[in-house]
Amino acid sequence: MAGNEAWNEERAEAIVAARAGQPGATLPILHDLQAAFGCVPAEAMPLVAKALNLSRAEIHGVVTFYHEFRRHAPGRHVLRLCRAEACQAVGADGLAAHAKSRLNIEWHETTADGAVTLEPVFCLGLCAVGPAALLDGEPLGRLDPARLNAVLEPLS
């Protein structure tokens, strides 16, 4: 999975500087940092705040408000299960419970072996083939516990 560079302050400063002058630069900078490091490292937040003349609290608030941003690097694979109503209507709650049990983790956690991070997502636009998920950005539809097990098996 892309985006797992080790923390590097010079690299982070370059990412921030590349967009700092743009209107509405906060979200693009945070996305770029996550693309590079797999998360928005705590060490990067003061750099972003200074470059955009915002407080650290404001940057922290943005990172924690949007579910898309991670504060810790993910596992080698990221499984995002849809939590929207259309998927819930066709079994997403049971699938989520199965995934948590199978992986022995909760939302936003990573398996002990570092293989899989489990994240909720609120609508993937795959409503016609729910319950749906993304595995490393690839869509999966019509999931049930057996199909999810088959998808997860080779990831360990």
C-alpha atoms as a PDB file:
ATOM      1  CA  MET A   1       0.000   0.000   0.000  1.00  0.00           C
ATOM      2  CA  ALA A   2       1.326   3.425  -0.936  1.00  0.00           C
ATOM      3  CA  GLY A   3       1.899   6.082   1.641  1.00  0.00           C
ATOM      4  CA  ASN A   4       4.092   4.513   4.242  1.00  0.00           C
ATOM      5  CA  GLU A   5       7.202   6.643   4.087  1.00  0.00           C
ATOM      6  CA  ALA A   6       8.944   7.066   7.419  1.00  0.00           C
ATOM      7  CA  TRP A   7       8.441  10.466   9.031  1.00  0.00           C
ATOM      8  CA  ASN A   8      10.774  13.023   7.507  1.00  0.00           C
ATOM      9  CA  GLU A   9      10.423  16.664   8.518  1.00  0.00           C
ATOM     10  CA  GLU A  10      12.057  17.994   5.349  1.00  0.00           C
ATOM     11  CA  ARG A  11       9.696  15.942   3.184  1.00  0.00           C
ATOM     12  CA  ALA A  12       6.709  17.165   5.216  1.00  0.00           C
ATOM     13  CA  GLU A  13       7.843  20.789   4.912  1.00  0.00           C
ATOM     14  CA  ALA A  14       8.121  20.377   1.128  1.00  0.00           C
ATOM     15  CA  ILE A  15       4.602  18.913   0.962  1.00  0.00           C
ATOM     16  CA  VAL A  16       3.220  21.794   3.010  1.00  0.00           C
ATOM     17  CA  ALA A  17       5.114  24.455   1.051  1.00  0.00           C
ATOM     18  CA  ALA A  18       3.886  23.091  -2.288  1.00  0.00           C
ATOM     19  CA  ARG A  19       0.293  24.063  -1.480  1.00  0.00           C
ATOM     20  CA  ALA A  20       0.541  26.649   1.299  1.00  0.00           C
ATOM     21  CA  GLY A  21      -0.206  29.581  -0.990  1.00  0.00           C
ATOM     22  CA  GLN A  22      -3.326  28.079  -2.503  1.00  0.00           C
ATOM     23  CA  PRO A  23      -6.798  29.129  -1.361  1.00  0.00           C
ATOM     24  CA  GLY A  24      -8.318  26.432   0.845  1.00  0.00           C
ATOM     25  CA  ALA A  25      -4.984  24.665   1.205  1.00  0.00           C
ATOM     26  CA  THR A  26      -5.707  22.880   4.499  1.00  0.00           C
ATOM     27  CA  LEU A  27      -7.449  19.782   3.157  1.00  0.00           C
ATOM     28  CA  PRO A  28      -5.163  19.302   0.127  1.00  0.00           C
ATOM     29  CA  ILE A  29      -2.087  19.571   2.365  1.00  0.00           C
ATOM     30  CA  LEU A  30      -3.496  17.048   4.837  1.00  0.00           C
ATOM     31  CA  HIS A  31      -4.382  14.656   2.005  1.00  0.00           C
ATOM     32  CA  ASP A  32      -0.874  14.994   0.567  1.00  0.00           C
ATOM     33  CA  LEU A  33       0.698  14.318   3.949  1.00  0.00           C
ATOM     34  CA  GLN A  34      -1.444  11.223   4.389  1.00  0.00           C
ATOM     35  CA  ALA A  35      -0.597  10.047   0.879  1.00  0.00           C
ATOM     36  CA  ALA A  36       3.095  10.284   1.723  1.00  0.00           C
ATOM     37  CA  PHE A  37       3.146   8.997   5.301  1.00  0.00           C
ATOM     38  CA  GLY A  38       0.012   6.842   5.491  1.00  0.00           C
ATOM     39  CA  CYS A  39      -1.431   9.224   8.078  1.00  0.00           C
ATOM     40  CA  VAL A  40      -1.233  12.832   9.196  1.00  0.00           C
ATOM     41  CA  PRO A  41       1.613  12.597  11.694  1.00  0.00           C
ATOM     42  CA  ALA A  42       1.302  14.650  14.865  1.00  0.00           C
ATOM     43  CA  GLU A  43       4.689  16.170  14.038  1.00  0.00           C
ATOM     44  CA  ALA A  44       3.250  17.587  10.806  1.00  0.00           C
ATOM     45  CA  MET A  45       0.377  19.486  12.393  1.00  0.00           C
ATOM     46  CA  PRO A  46       2.524  22.372  13.732  1.00  0.00           C
ATOM     47  CA  LEU A  47       4.142  22.711  10.298  1.00  0.00           C
ATOM     48  CA  VAL A  48       0.740  23.007   8.634  1.00  0.00           C
ATOM     49  CA  ALA A  49      -0.522  25.420  11.272  1.00  0.00           C
ATOM     50  CA  LYS A  50       2.487  27.708  10.902  1.00  0.00           C
ATOM     51  CA  ALA A  51       2.397  27.695   7.091  1.00  0.00           C
ATOM     52  CA  LEU A  52      -1.329  28.516   6.995  1.00  0.00           C
ATOM     53  CA  ASN A  53      -1.300  30.936   9.942  1.00  0.00           C
ATOM     54  CA  LEU A  54      -3.727  28.742  11.858  1.00  0.00           C
ATOM     55  CA  SER A  55      -3.526  27.315  15.363  1.00  0.00           C
ATOM     56  CA  ARG A  56      -2.439  23.762  16.047  1.00  0.00           C
ATOM     57  CA  ALA A  57      -5.885  23.226  17.565  1.00  0.00           C
ATOM     58  CA  GLU A  58      -7.540  24.225  14.289  1.00  0.00           C
ATOM     59  CA  ILE A  59      -5.444  21.737  12.312  1.00  0.00           C
ATOM     60  CA  HIS A  60      -6.057  19.019  14.904  1.00  0.00           C
ATOM     61  CA  GLY A  61      -9.776  19.792  14.696  1.00  0.00           C
ATOM     62  CA  VAL A  62      -9.778  19.291  10.925  1.00  0.00           C
ATOM     63  CA  VAL A  63      -7.845  16.013  11.174  1.00  0.00           C
ATOM     64  CA  THR A  64     -10.140  14.612  13.848  1.00  0.00           C
ATOM     65  CA  PHE A  65     -13.352  15.873  12.235  1.00  0.00           C
ATOM     66  CA  TYR A  66     -12.892  14.113   8.883  1.00  0.00           C
ATOM     67  CA  HIS A  67     -13.012  10.318   9.086  1.00  0.00           C
ATOM     68  CA  GLU A  68     -10.790  10.060   6.028  1.00  0.00           C
ATOM     69  CA  PHE A  69      -7.730  11.256   7.941  1.00  0.00           C
ATOM     70  CA  ARG A  70      -5.703   8.860  10.060  1.00  0.00           C
ATOM     71  CA  ARG A  71      -3.471   9.882  12.928  1.00  0.00           C
ATOM     72  CA  HIS A  72      -1.561   6.599  12.886  1.00  0.00           C
ATOM     73  CA  ALA A  73      -0.131   4.659   9.970  1.00  0.00           C
ATOM     74  CA  PRO A  74      -2.463   1.914   8.719  1.00  0.00           C
ATOM     75  CA  GLY A  75      -1.718  -1.753   8.270  1.00  0.00           C
ATOM     76  CA  ARG A  76      -0.465  -3.183   4.998  1.00  0.00           C
ATOM     77  CA  HIS A  77      -4.085  -3.383   3.825  1.00  0.00           C
ATOM     78  CA  VAL A  78      -7.054  -1.129   4.586  1.00  0.00           C
ATOM     79  CA  LEU A  79     -10.553  -2.603   4.654  1.00  0.00           C
ATOM     80  CA  ARG A  80     -13.299   0.007   4.614  1.00  0.00           C
ATOM     81  CA  LEU A  81     -16.778  -1.328   5.288  1.00  0.00           C
ATOM     82  CA  CYS A  82     -19.777   0.717   4.217  1.00  0.00           C
ATOM     83  CA  ARG A  83     -21.958   1.813   7.136  1.00  0.00           C
ATOM     84  CA  ALA A  84     -24.622   3.695   5.145  1.00  0.00           C
ATOM     85  CA  GLU A  85     -28.318   2.870   5.364  1.00  0.00           C
ATOM     86  CA  ALA A  86     -28.562   1.025   2.034  1.00  0.00           C
ATOM     87  CA  CYS A  87     -25.825  -1.389   3.060  1.00  0.00           C
ATOM     88  CA  GLN A  88     -27.247  -1.699   6.569  1.00  0.00           C
ATOM     89  CA  ALA A  89     -30.558  -2.751   5.024  1.00  0.00           C
ATOM     90  CA  VAL A  90     -28.866  -5.752   3.426  1.00  0.00           C
ATOM     91  CA  GLY A  91     -26.705  -6.955   6.315  1.00  0.00           C
ATOM     92  CA  ALA A  92     -23.821  -4.526   6.825  1.00  0.00           C
ATOM     93  CA  ASP A  93     -24.189  -4.553  10.620  1.00  0.00           C
ATOM     94  CA  GLY A  94     -23.772  -8.312  10.763  1.00  0.00           C
ATOM     95  CA  LEU A  95     -20.899  -8.147   8.304  1.00  0.00           C
ATOM     96  CA  ALA A  96     -19.176  -5.494  10.427  1.00  0.00           C
ATOM     97  CA  ALA A  97     -19.584  -7.614  13.553  1.00  0.00           C
ATOM     98  CA  HIS A  98     -18.148 -10.592  11.668  1.00  0.00           C
ATOM     99  CA  ALA A  99     -15.181  -8.546  10.388  1.00  0.00           C
ATOM    100  CA  LYS A 100     -14.370  -7.250  13.867  1.00  0.00           C
ATOM    101  CA  SER A 101     -14.564 -10.750  15.316  1.00  0.00           C
ATOM    102  CA  ARG A 102     -12.592 -12.344  12.482  1.00  0.00           C
ATOM    103  CA  LEU A 103      -9.845  -9.723  12.668  1.00  0.00           C
ATOM    104  CA  ASN A 104     -10.037  -9.376  16.475  1.00  0.00           C
ATOM    105  CA  ILE A 105     -10.061  -5.570  16.234  1.00  0.00           C
ATOM    106  CA  GLU A 106     -12.454  -2.624  16.450  1.00  0.00           C
ATOM    107  CA  TRP A 107     -12.964   0.288  14.056  1.00  0.00           C
ATOM    108  CA  HIS A 108      -9.771   2.258  13.317  1.00  0.00           C
ATOM    109  CA  GLU A 109      -7.575  -0.517  14.684  1.00  0.00           C
ATOM    110  CA  THR A 110      -4.980  -2.690  12.973  1.00  0.00           C
ATOM    111  CA  THR A 111      -4.515  -6.416  13.428  1.00  0.00           C
ATOM    112  CA  ALA A 112      -1.660  -7.495  15.701  1.00  0.00           C
ATOM    113  CA  ASP A 113       0.371  -8.672  12.700  1.00  0.00           C
ATOM    114  CA  GLY A 114      -0.022  -5.286  10.988  1.00  0.00           C
ATOM    115  CA  ALA A 115      -1.867  -6.828   8.054  1.00  0.00           C
ATOM    116  CA  VAL A 116      -5.291  -5.125   8.094  1.00  0.00           C
ATOM    117  CA  THR A 117      -6.733  -1.849   9.331  1.00  0.00           C
ATOM    118  CA  LEU A 118     -10.533  -1.746   9.638  1.00  0.00           C
ATOM    119  CA  GLU A 119     -12.295   1.535   8.932  1.00  0.00           C
ATOM    120  CA  PRO A 120     -15.939   2.512   8.603  1.00  0.00           C
ATOM    121  CA  VAL A 121     -16.999   4.548   5.606  1.00  0.00           C
ATOM    122  CA  PHE A 122     -20.334   6.235   5.111  1.00  0.00           C
ATOM    123  CA  CYS A 123     -21.419   5.391   1.579  1.00  0.00           C
ATOM    124  CA  LEU A 124     -19.245   4.119  -1.190  1.00  0.00           C
ATOM    125  CA  GLY A 125     -21.862   4.651  -3.874  1.00  0.00           C
ATOM    126  CA  LEU A 126     -22.161   0.885  -4.283  1.00  0.00           C
ATOM    127  CA  CYS A 127     -25.679   0.769  -2.889  1.00  0.00           C
ATOM    128  CA  ALA A 128     -26.977  -1.665  -5.516  1.00  0.00           C
ATOM    129  CA  VAL A 129     -24.412  -4.305  -4.530  1.00  0.00           C
ATOM    130  CA  GLY A 130     -24.375  -3.956  -0.744  1.00  0.00           C
ATOM    131  CA  PRO A 131     -23.074  -4.774   1.702  1.00  0.00           C
ATOM    132  CA  ALA A 132     -20.062  -3.141   0.104  1.00  0.00           C
ATOM    133  CA  ALA A 133     -16.467  -2.430   1.029  1.00  0.00           C
ATOM    134  CA  LEU A 134     -13.183  -1.168  -0.325  1.00  0.00           C
ATOM    135  CA  LEU A 135     -10.048  -3.222   0.123  1.00  0.00           C
ATOM    136  CA  ASP A 136      -7.003  -1.102  -0.643  1.00  0.00           C
ATOM    137  CA  GLY A 137      -9.252   1.095  -2.764  1.00  0.00           C
ATOM    138  CA  GLU A 138     -10.755  -1.771  -4.774  1.00  0.00           C
ATOM    139  CA  PRO A 139     -14.550  -2.094  -4.516  1.00  0.00           C
ATOM    140  CA  LEU A 140     -16.150  -5.262  -3.207  1.00  0.00           C
ATOM    141  CA  GLY A 141     -19.883  -5.885  -3.367  1.00  0.00           C
ATOM    142  CA  ARG A 142     -22.473  -8.407  -2.225  1.00  0.00           C
ATOM    143  CA  LEU A 143     -20.325  -9.328   0.733  1.00  0.00           C
ATOM    144  CA  ASP A 144     -21.306 -11.908   3.293  1.00  0.00           C
ATOM    145  CA  PRO A 145     -19.170 -13.498   6.024  1.00  0.00           C
ATOM    146  CA  ALA A 146     -17.960 -16.333   3.772  1.00  0.00           C
ATOM    147  CA  ARG A 147     -16.931 -13.993   0.949  1.00  0.00           C
ATOM    148  CA  LEU A 148     -15.266 -11.619   3.405  1.00  0.00           C
ATOM    149  CA  ASN A 149     -13.298 -14.537   4.896  1.00  0.00           C
ATOM    150  CA  ALA A 150     -12.131 -15.510   1.408  1.00  0.00           C
ATOM    151  CA  VAL A 151     -10.966 -11.947   0.742  1.00  0.00           C
ATOM    152  CA  LEU A 152      -9.183 -11.662   4.086  1.00  0.00           C
ATOM    153  CA  GLU A 153      -7.500 -15.090   4.052  1.00  0.00           C
ATOM    154  CA  PRO A 154      -4.527 -14.219   1.811  1.00  0.00           C
ATOM    155  CA  LEU A 155      -3.821 -10.937   3.613  1.00  0.00           C
ATOM    156  CA  SER A 156      -2.303 -12.405   6.767  1.00  0.00           C
END
